[in-house]
N, C-alpha and C. Protein backbone atom coordinates (compact mmCIF):
# COMPACT_ATOMS: atom_id res chain seq x y z
N MET A 1 -24.33 62.99 22.51
CA MET A 1 -23.55 62.21 21.57
C MET A 1 -22.11 62.72 21.57
N ASN A 2 -21.20 61.81 21.51
CA ASN A 2 -19.79 62.14 21.51
C ASN A 2 -19.27 62.12 20.07
N LEU A 3 -18.93 63.29 19.54
CA LEU A 3 -18.45 63.36 18.15
C LEU A 3 -17.11 62.66 17.97
N THR A 4 -16.34 62.53 19.03
CA THR A 4 -15.08 61.79 18.94
C THR A 4 -15.35 60.34 18.54
N ASN A 5 -16.40 59.75 19.11
CA ASN A 5 -16.77 58.38 18.75
C ASN A 5 -17.16 58.29 17.28
N ALA A 6 -17.94 59.25 16.81
CA ALA A 6 -18.36 59.25 15.41
C ALA A 6 -17.16 59.37 14.49
N THR A 7 -16.24 60.25 14.82
CA THR A 7 -15.04 60.44 14.01
C THR A 7 -14.20 59.16 14.00
N TYR A 8 -14.04 58.54 15.15
CA TYR A 8 -13.28 57.29 15.24
C TYR A 8 -13.93 56.21 14.37
N LEU A 9 -15.24 56.05 14.49
CA LEU A 9 -15.93 55.02 13.71
C LEU A 9 -15.85 55.33 12.22
N ARG A 10 -16.01 56.58 11.84
CA ARG A 10 -15.92 56.97 10.43
C ARG A 10 -14.52 56.69 9.88
N ASP A 11 -13.50 57.03 10.65
CA ASP A 11 -12.13 56.89 10.18
C ASP A 11 -11.62 55.45 10.20
N ASN A 12 -12.14 54.63 11.10
CA ASN A 12 -11.58 53.28 11.30
C ASN A 12 -12.53 52.12 11.00
N HIS A 13 -13.83 52.37 11.00
CA HIS A 13 -14.78 51.27 10.87
C HIS A 13 -15.96 51.60 9.95
N LEU A 14 -15.77 52.49 8.98
CA LEU A 14 -16.89 52.92 8.14
C LEU A 14 -17.53 51.75 7.40
N ARG A 15 -16.71 50.89 6.81
CA ARG A 15 -17.25 49.74 6.07
C ARG A 15 -18.12 48.87 6.97
N GLU A 16 -17.66 48.61 8.18
CA GLU A 16 -18.42 47.77 9.11
C GLU A 16 -19.73 48.43 9.52
N VAL A 17 -19.68 49.73 9.75
CA VAL A 17 -20.91 50.45 10.12
C VAL A 17 -21.92 50.40 8.98
N ILE A 18 -21.46 50.61 7.75
CA ILE A 18 -22.37 50.57 6.60
C ILE A 18 -22.97 49.18 6.44
N ILE A 19 -22.16 48.14 6.60
CA ILE A 19 -22.68 46.77 6.51
C ILE A 19 -23.77 46.55 7.55
N SER A 20 -23.53 46.99 8.76
CA SER A 20 -24.54 46.76 9.81
C SER A 20 -25.80 47.58 9.54
N LEU A 21 -25.66 48.79 9.02
CA LEU A 21 -26.84 49.61 8.71
C LEU A 21 -27.67 48.96 7.61
N ILE A 22 -27.01 48.45 6.57
CA ILE A 22 -27.75 47.77 5.51
C ILE A 22 -28.40 46.51 6.06
N LEU A 23 -27.66 45.76 6.84
CA LEU A 23 -28.16 44.52 7.41
C LEU A 23 -29.39 44.76 8.28
N ALA A 24 -29.33 45.78 9.12
CA ALA A 24 -30.41 46.02 10.08
C ALA A 24 -31.62 46.69 9.44
N SER A 25 -31.44 47.86 8.89
CA SER A 25 -32.63 48.61 8.46
C SER A 25 -32.37 49.45 7.23
N GLY A 26 -31.33 49.11 6.48
CA GLY A 26 -30.98 49.92 5.34
C GLY A 26 -31.27 49.25 4.02
N SER A 27 -31.21 50.07 3.00
CA SER A 27 -31.37 49.61 1.63
C SER A 27 -30.37 50.36 0.77
N LEU A 28 -30.05 49.78 -0.36
CA LEU A 28 -29.28 50.46 -1.37
C LEU A 28 -30.19 50.71 -2.55
N ILE A 29 -30.15 51.94 -3.05
CA ILE A 29 -31.02 52.34 -4.16
C ILE A 29 -30.13 52.85 -5.29
N LEU A 30 -30.31 52.28 -6.47
CA LEU A 30 -29.49 52.64 -7.61
C LEU A 30 -29.94 53.97 -8.19
N ASP A 31 -28.98 54.87 -8.39
CA ASP A 31 -29.21 56.11 -9.11
C ASP A 31 -28.77 55.86 -10.54
N THR A 32 -29.71 55.80 -11.46
CA THR A 32 -29.39 55.41 -12.83
C THR A 32 -28.60 56.48 -13.58
N VAL A 33 -28.65 57.72 -13.13
CA VAL A 33 -27.89 58.78 -13.79
C VAL A 33 -26.39 58.61 -13.52
N SER A 34 -26.04 58.41 -12.24
CA SER A 34 -24.63 58.28 -11.87
C SER A 34 -24.15 56.82 -11.88
N ASN A 35 -25.09 55.89 -11.99
CA ASN A 35 -24.81 54.46 -11.90
C ASN A 35 -24.12 54.11 -10.57
N SER A 36 -24.46 54.87 -9.54
CA SER A 36 -23.97 54.62 -8.19
C SER A 36 -25.17 54.42 -7.28
N TRP A 37 -24.88 53.86 -6.13
CA TRP A 37 -25.94 53.54 -5.18
C TRP A 37 -25.98 54.57 -4.07
N ARG A 38 -27.16 54.76 -3.52
CA ARG A 38 -27.35 55.60 -2.35
C ARG A 38 -27.81 54.71 -1.21
N LEU A 39 -27.52 55.13 0.00
CA LEU A 39 -27.92 54.39 1.19
C LEU A 39 -29.19 55.03 1.77
N GLU A 40 -30.15 54.18 2.09
CA GLU A 40 -31.36 54.63 2.78
C GLU A 40 -31.47 53.81 4.06
N ILE A 41 -31.68 54.49 5.18
CA ILE A 41 -31.76 53.83 6.48
C ILE A 41 -33.07 54.25 7.15
N ARG A 42 -33.76 53.29 7.73
CA ARG A 42 -34.99 53.57 8.49
C ARG A 42 -34.75 53.17 9.94
N ILE A 43 -34.90 54.14 10.83
CA ILE A 43 -34.63 53.91 12.24
C ILE A 43 -35.78 54.47 13.06
N ASN A 44 -36.11 53.78 14.13
CA ASN A 44 -37.15 54.25 15.04
C ASN A 44 -36.82 55.67 15.48
N SER A 45 -37.77 56.55 15.34
CA SER A 45 -37.56 57.97 15.66
C SER A 45 -37.24 58.22 17.12
N ASN A 46 -37.51 57.27 17.99
CA ASN A 46 -37.21 57.44 19.42
C ASN A 46 -35.72 57.34 19.72
N TYR A 47 -34.94 56.84 18.77
CA TYR A 47 -33.51 56.64 18.98
C TYR A 47 -32.73 57.87 18.53
N ASN A 48 -33.00 59.02 19.14
CA ASN A 48 -32.41 60.29 18.70
C ASN A 48 -30.88 60.26 18.72
N GLU A 49 -30.29 59.75 19.79
CA GLU A 49 -28.83 59.75 19.88
C GLU A 49 -28.21 58.84 18.82
N LEU A 50 -28.82 57.71 18.56
CA LEU A 50 -28.32 56.82 17.52
C LEU A 50 -28.44 57.47 16.15
N ILE A 51 -29.54 58.14 15.89
CA ILE A 51 -29.72 58.85 14.62
C ILE A 51 -28.64 59.90 14.45
N LEU A 52 -28.37 60.67 15.49
CA LEU A 52 -27.33 61.70 15.42
C LEU A 52 -25.95 61.08 15.21
N LEU A 53 -25.68 59.95 15.86
CA LEU A 53 -24.40 59.26 15.68
C LEU A 53 -24.25 58.80 14.23
N ILE A 54 -25.28 58.19 13.69
CA ILE A 54 -25.23 57.71 12.30
C ILE A 54 -25.03 58.88 11.34
N LEU A 55 -25.75 59.96 11.55
CA LEU A 55 -25.59 61.15 10.70
C LEU A 55 -24.14 61.65 10.74
N ALA A 56 -23.55 61.65 11.93
CA ALA A 56 -22.16 62.11 12.06
C ALA A 56 -21.18 61.15 11.39
N ILE A 57 -21.44 59.85 11.47
CA ILE A 57 -20.54 58.87 10.86
C ILE A 57 -20.58 58.96 9.34
N ILE A 58 -21.77 59.15 8.77
CA ILE A 58 -21.90 59.14 7.30
C ILE A 58 -21.95 60.56 6.72
N LYS A 59 -21.48 61.54 7.47
CA LYS A 59 -21.59 62.94 7.05
C LYS A 59 -20.94 63.23 5.71
N ASP A 60 -19.92 62.48 5.34
CA ASP A 60 -19.24 62.71 4.06
C ASP A 60 -20.11 62.36 2.86
N PHE A 61 -21.24 61.69 3.09
CA PHE A 61 -22.16 61.30 2.01
C PHE A 61 -23.40 62.18 1.98
N ASP A 62 -23.31 63.34 2.63
CA ASP A 62 -24.39 64.34 2.63
C ASP A 62 -25.75 63.75 3.02
N PRO A 63 -25.83 63.11 4.18
CA PRO A 63 -27.11 62.50 4.56
C PRO A 63 -28.17 63.56 4.85
N VAL A 64 -29.38 63.25 4.50
CA VAL A 64 -30.51 64.11 4.83
C VAL A 64 -31.58 63.24 5.47
N ILE A 65 -32.33 63.86 6.35
CA ILE A 65 -33.48 63.15 6.92
C ILE A 65 -34.65 63.44 6.00
N SER A 66 -35.15 62.40 5.41
CA SER A 66 -36.26 62.52 4.48
C SER A 66 -37.55 62.69 5.26
N THR A 67 -38.46 63.43 4.68
CA THR A 67 -39.77 63.55 5.32
C THR A 67 -40.47 62.20 5.29
N GLY A 68 -40.06 61.36 4.38
CA GLY A 68 -40.57 59.99 4.33
C GLY A 68 -42.03 59.94 3.92
N SER A 69 -42.53 58.76 3.87
CA SER A 69 -43.93 58.56 3.51
C SER A 69 -44.78 58.68 4.76
N SER A 70 -46.06 58.81 4.55
CA SER A 70 -46.96 58.87 5.70
C SER A 70 -46.91 57.56 6.48
N LEU A 71 -46.61 56.46 5.80
CA LEU A 71 -46.49 55.17 6.47
C LEU A 71 -45.31 55.18 7.44
N SER A 72 -44.15 55.73 7.01
CA SER A 72 -43.00 55.83 7.91
C SER A 72 -43.31 56.71 9.10
N THR A 73 -43.96 57.83 8.85
CA THR A 73 -44.33 58.74 9.93
C THR A 73 -45.29 58.07 10.90
N ARG A 74 -46.25 57.35 10.35
CA ARG A 74 -47.24 56.68 11.19
C ARG A 74 -46.61 55.65 12.12
N PHE A 75 -45.56 54.99 11.65
CA PHE A 75 -44.90 53.97 12.47
C PHE A 75 -43.69 54.53 13.20
N GLY A 76 -43.52 55.85 13.22
CA GLY A 76 -42.47 56.49 14.00
C GLY A 76 -41.07 56.22 13.49
N MET A 77 -40.90 56.19 12.18
CA MET A 77 -39.60 55.91 11.59
C MET A 77 -38.97 57.19 11.05
N THR A 78 -37.66 57.31 11.24
CA THR A 78 -36.88 58.37 10.62
C THR A 78 -36.17 57.75 9.43
N VAL A 79 -36.24 58.41 8.30
CA VAL A 79 -35.60 57.92 7.08
C VAL A 79 -34.42 58.82 6.77
N ILE A 80 -33.23 58.21 6.70
CA ILE A 80 -32.01 58.93 6.36
C ILE A 80 -31.59 58.48 4.97
N MET A 81 -31.30 59.44 4.10
CA MET A 81 -30.84 59.11 2.74
C MET A 81 -29.53 59.84 2.45
N THR A 82 -28.64 59.16 1.77
CA THR A 82 -27.38 59.78 1.34
C THR A 82 -27.48 60.13 -0.14
N ARG A 83 -26.52 60.87 -0.61
CA ARG A 83 -26.40 61.09 -2.05
C ARG A 83 -25.82 59.81 -2.66
N PRO A 84 -26.05 59.57 -3.95
CA PRO A 84 -25.40 58.42 -4.60
C PRO A 84 -23.89 58.58 -4.55
N ASP A 85 -23.20 57.48 -4.29
CA ASP A 85 -21.74 57.55 -4.21
C ASP A 85 -21.16 56.19 -4.62
N PRO A 86 -20.10 56.18 -5.41
CA PRO A 86 -19.47 54.91 -5.81
C PRO A 86 -19.03 54.05 -4.61
N PHE A 87 -18.80 54.67 -3.47
CA PHE A 87 -18.41 53.92 -2.27
C PHE A 87 -19.41 52.81 -1.95
N PHE A 88 -20.70 53.07 -2.16
CA PHE A 88 -21.73 52.10 -1.80
C PHE A 88 -21.81 50.92 -2.77
N ASN A 89 -21.21 51.05 -3.95
CA ASN A 89 -21.26 49.97 -4.94
C ASN A 89 -20.67 48.67 -4.39
N GLN A 90 -19.67 48.76 -3.51
CA GLN A 90 -19.01 47.57 -2.99
C GLN A 90 -19.92 46.69 -2.13
N PHE A 91 -21.05 47.23 -1.69
CA PHE A 91 -21.93 46.48 -0.79
C PHE A 91 -23.05 45.74 -1.53
N VAL A 92 -23.21 46.03 -2.80
CA VAL A 92 -24.32 45.45 -3.56
C VAL A 92 -24.24 43.93 -3.57
N ASP A 93 -23.07 43.36 -3.88
CA ASP A 93 -22.95 41.91 -3.97
C ASP A 93 -23.11 41.20 -2.63
N LEU A 94 -22.93 41.92 -1.53
CA LEU A 94 -23.12 41.30 -0.21
C LEU A 94 -24.60 41.07 0.11
N PHE A 95 -25.47 41.88 -0.49
CA PHE A 95 -26.88 41.86 -0.09
C PHE A 95 -27.89 41.65 -1.21
N PHE A 96 -27.47 41.72 -2.46
CA PHE A 96 -28.44 41.66 -3.54
C PHE A 96 -28.00 40.68 -4.61
N ASP A 97 -28.98 40.00 -5.21
CA ASP A 97 -28.73 39.11 -6.33
C ASP A 97 -28.85 39.90 -7.62
N LYS A 98 -28.03 39.56 -8.59
CA LYS A 98 -28.08 40.26 -9.88
C LYS A 98 -29.45 40.12 -10.54
N GLU A 99 -30.07 38.93 -10.39
CA GLU A 99 -31.36 38.70 -11.04
C GLU A 99 -32.52 39.42 -10.36
N ASN A 100 -32.35 39.81 -9.10
CA ASN A 100 -33.41 40.55 -8.40
C ASN A 100 -32.78 41.59 -7.48
N PRO A 101 -32.26 42.68 -8.05
CA PRO A 101 -31.50 43.65 -7.25
C PRO A 101 -32.34 44.49 -6.30
N SER A 102 -33.65 44.38 -6.36
CA SER A 102 -34.48 45.18 -5.46
C SER A 102 -34.82 44.44 -4.17
N PHE A 103 -34.42 43.18 -4.05
CA PHE A 103 -34.76 42.39 -2.88
C PHE A 103 -33.51 42.07 -2.07
N LYS A 104 -33.47 42.55 -0.83
CA LYS A 104 -32.29 42.36 0.03
C LYS A 104 -32.25 40.93 0.57
N ARG A 105 -31.04 40.36 0.59
CA ARG A 105 -30.82 38.98 1.03
C ARG A 105 -29.69 38.93 2.05
N ILE A 106 -29.63 37.83 2.78
CA ILE A 106 -28.46 37.49 3.59
C ILE A 106 -27.70 36.47 2.75
N LYS A 107 -26.49 36.81 2.35
CA LYS A 107 -25.72 35.93 1.47
C LYS A 107 -24.53 35.36 2.23
N PRO A 108 -24.09 34.16 1.87
CA PRO A 108 -23.02 33.48 2.61
C PRO A 108 -21.73 34.30 2.76
N GLN A 109 -21.37 35.10 1.78
CA GLN A 109 -20.13 35.87 1.88
C GLN A 109 -20.19 36.95 2.96
N LEU A 110 -21.35 37.20 3.51
CA LEU A 110 -21.48 38.16 4.60
C LEU A 110 -20.76 37.67 5.86
N GLU A 111 -20.66 36.36 6.03
CA GLU A 111 -20.07 35.81 7.24
C GLU A 111 -18.66 36.34 7.49
N SER A 112 -17.86 36.46 6.46
CA SER A 112 -16.48 36.94 6.64
C SER A 112 -16.44 38.44 7.00
N GLU A 113 -17.56 39.13 6.86
CA GLU A 113 -17.62 40.57 7.17
C GLU A 113 -18.12 40.84 8.59
N LEU A 114 -18.58 39.80 9.28
CA LEU A 114 -19.14 39.99 10.62
C LEU A 114 -18.02 40.24 11.62
N THR A 115 -18.07 41.39 12.25
CA THR A 115 -17.09 41.79 13.26
C THR A 115 -17.84 42.28 14.48
N PRO A 116 -17.16 42.50 15.59
CA PRO A 116 -17.84 43.08 16.76
C PRO A 116 -18.50 44.42 16.48
N VAL A 117 -17.93 45.24 15.60
CA VAL A 117 -18.55 46.53 15.27
C VAL A 117 -19.86 46.30 14.52
N VAL A 118 -19.88 45.39 13.56
CA VAL A 118 -21.11 45.06 12.84
C VAL A 118 -22.16 44.57 13.83
N LEU A 119 -21.77 43.67 14.71
CA LEU A 119 -22.70 43.14 15.71
C LEU A 119 -23.23 44.24 16.62
N ALA A 120 -22.37 45.13 17.05
CA ALA A 120 -22.80 46.21 17.96
C ALA A 120 -23.86 47.10 17.31
N PHE A 121 -23.63 47.51 16.07
CA PHE A 121 -24.62 48.37 15.41
C PHE A 121 -25.90 47.60 15.09
N LEU A 122 -25.77 46.34 14.72
CA LEU A 122 -26.95 45.52 14.46
C LEU A 122 -27.81 45.44 15.72
N CYS A 123 -27.17 45.23 16.85
CA CYS A 123 -27.90 45.13 18.12
C CYS A 123 -28.51 46.48 18.52
N MET A 124 -27.80 47.58 18.27
CA MET A 124 -28.34 48.89 18.62
C MET A 124 -29.60 49.20 17.83
N ILE A 125 -29.66 48.75 16.59
CA ILE A 125 -30.79 49.10 15.74
C ILE A 125 -31.90 48.07 15.84
N ASP A 126 -31.57 46.78 15.77
CA ASP A 126 -32.59 45.73 15.67
C ASP A 126 -32.56 44.71 16.80
N GLY A 127 -31.75 44.92 17.81
CA GLY A 127 -31.59 43.89 18.83
C GLY A 127 -32.34 44.16 20.10
N ALA A 128 -32.60 43.08 20.82
CA ALA A 128 -33.21 43.16 22.14
C ALA A 128 -32.75 41.94 22.93
N ILE A 129 -32.50 42.15 24.22
CA ILE A 129 -32.15 41.03 25.09
C ILE A 129 -33.43 40.24 25.35
N LYS A 130 -33.32 38.92 25.23
CA LYS A 130 -34.50 38.09 25.51
C LYS A 130 -34.84 38.18 26.99
N SER A 131 -36.09 38.18 27.26
CA SER A 131 -36.53 38.29 28.65
C SER A 131 -36.98 36.92 29.17
N GLY A 132 -37.23 36.87 30.44
CA GLY A 132 -37.69 35.63 31.03
C GLY A 132 -36.55 34.66 31.27
N GLN A 133 -36.88 33.39 31.21
CA GLN A 133 -35.90 32.37 31.54
C GLN A 133 -34.95 32.08 30.38
N SER A 134 -35.35 32.42 29.16
CA SER A 134 -34.46 32.14 28.04
C SER A 134 -33.38 33.21 27.98
N LYS A 135 -32.23 32.82 27.51
CA LYS A 135 -31.11 33.75 27.43
C LYS A 135 -30.74 33.94 25.97
N GLY A 136 -30.16 35.06 25.67
CA GLY A 136 -29.70 35.30 24.31
C GLY A 136 -30.15 36.63 23.79
N LEU A 137 -30.07 36.76 22.51
CA LEU A 137 -30.37 38.00 21.80
C LEU A 137 -31.49 37.74 20.82
N ARG A 138 -32.40 38.66 20.76
CA ARG A 138 -33.49 38.58 19.78
C ARG A 138 -33.25 39.69 18.77
N LEU A 139 -33.25 39.34 17.49
CA LEU A 139 -33.17 40.34 16.43
C LEU A 139 -34.56 40.53 15.85
N ILE A 140 -34.98 41.75 15.83
CA ILE A 140 -36.29 42.08 15.27
C ILE A 140 -36.01 42.67 13.90
N THR A 141 -35.84 41.81 12.94
CA THR A 141 -35.40 42.19 11.60
C THR A 141 -36.51 41.84 10.62
N TYR A 142 -36.95 42.83 9.87
CA TYR A 142 -38.04 42.64 8.91
C TYR A 142 -37.50 42.68 7.49
N GLY A 143 -38.25 42.06 6.58
CA GLY A 143 -37.94 42.17 5.17
C GLY A 143 -37.08 41.05 4.62
N TYR A 144 -36.77 40.05 5.44
CA TYR A 144 -35.98 38.92 4.96
C TYR A 144 -36.84 37.66 4.94
N HIS A 145 -36.52 36.75 4.03
CA HIS A 145 -37.13 35.43 4.06
C HIS A 145 -36.63 34.69 5.30
N MET A 146 -37.39 33.75 5.79
CA MET A 146 -37.00 32.97 6.96
C MET A 146 -35.68 32.22 6.70
N VAL A 147 -35.45 31.79 5.48
CA VAL A 147 -34.20 31.10 5.14
C VAL A 147 -33.01 32.03 5.36
N ASP A 148 -33.16 33.28 4.95
CA ASP A 148 -32.09 34.25 5.14
C ASP A 148 -31.87 34.55 6.62
N LEU A 149 -32.95 34.70 7.36
CA LEU A 149 -32.82 34.95 8.80
C LEU A 149 -32.11 33.80 9.50
N GLN A 150 -32.45 32.58 9.12
CA GLN A 150 -31.79 31.42 9.73
C GLN A 150 -30.31 31.41 9.37
N LEU A 151 -29.98 31.76 8.14
CA LEU A 151 -28.58 31.84 7.73
C LEU A 151 -27.84 32.87 8.57
N LEU A 152 -28.45 34.04 8.81
CA LEU A 152 -27.83 35.05 9.65
C LEU A 152 -27.65 34.55 11.08
N CYS A 153 -28.66 33.91 11.62
CA CYS A 153 -28.55 33.36 12.99
C CYS A 153 -27.43 32.34 13.07
N ASP A 154 -27.32 31.48 12.06
CA ASP A 154 -26.26 30.48 12.04
C ASP A 154 -24.88 31.15 11.95
N MET A 155 -24.77 32.19 11.14
CA MET A 155 -23.50 32.92 11.03
C MET A 155 -23.11 33.54 12.36
N LEU A 156 -24.06 34.17 13.03
CA LEU A 156 -23.79 34.80 14.32
C LEU A 156 -23.36 33.78 15.35
N TYR A 157 -23.91 32.58 15.26
CA TYR A 157 -23.50 31.52 16.18
C TYR A 157 -22.06 31.08 15.87
N ARG A 158 -21.76 30.87 14.59
CA ARG A 158 -20.42 30.41 14.23
C ARG A 158 -19.35 31.47 14.53
N VAL A 159 -19.64 32.72 14.24
CA VAL A 159 -18.64 33.77 14.39
C VAL A 159 -18.49 34.22 15.84
N PHE A 160 -19.62 34.35 16.55
CA PHE A 160 -19.58 34.91 17.90
C PHE A 160 -20.01 33.95 19.00
N ASN A 161 -20.38 32.70 18.61
CA ASN A 161 -20.91 31.74 19.57
C ASN A 161 -22.13 32.34 20.28
N LEU A 162 -22.96 33.01 19.51
CA LEU A 162 -24.10 33.74 20.03
C LEU A 162 -25.37 33.08 19.53
N PHE A 163 -26.21 32.64 20.46
CA PHE A 163 -27.49 32.05 20.08
C PHE A 163 -28.48 33.18 19.82
N VAL A 164 -28.99 33.23 18.60
CA VAL A 164 -29.88 34.32 18.19
C VAL A 164 -31.11 33.71 17.55
N GLU A 165 -32.25 34.29 17.87
CA GLU A 165 -33.49 33.95 17.19
C GLU A 165 -33.92 35.15 16.39
N GLY A 166 -34.27 34.94 15.15
CA GLY A 166 -34.78 36.03 14.32
C GLY A 166 -36.29 36.11 14.40
N ASP A 167 -36.78 37.31 14.42
CA ASP A 167 -38.24 37.55 14.39
C ASP A 167 -38.58 38.30 13.14
């Protein structure tokens, strides 16, 4: 892993990286004591270099690798958690409804946040090139309603002219 890349991304694209992490495999969890949110990310444990890169990018938020639940371990997931920080509060409205803050959504205002950096991290975590005769990108994204996945696919088409199928 190149720490220069992590430093560059942290200094110049932190917001975009956080958006892509939440979009792909992250959650925001409210700390009721501080009234700030913490970031939790679940990544396939086989992606060691990506995990190290993410840890280096978010190092200012004191990330720790959680031992996680036996379910995470069984499915080969690494769980990274940060300390609660007011910085994460800005992302709540992009992904959560006030009436149901525990359920992550794809919301229309996310479209203006989609950049090549967001797309790159989304693909690194949840993307796969389609095989066979079909062309395009497959996102293996769990935890969203089909309506939200279709909205994300439509956004990716409008912003990047990229045909994406959500799984």
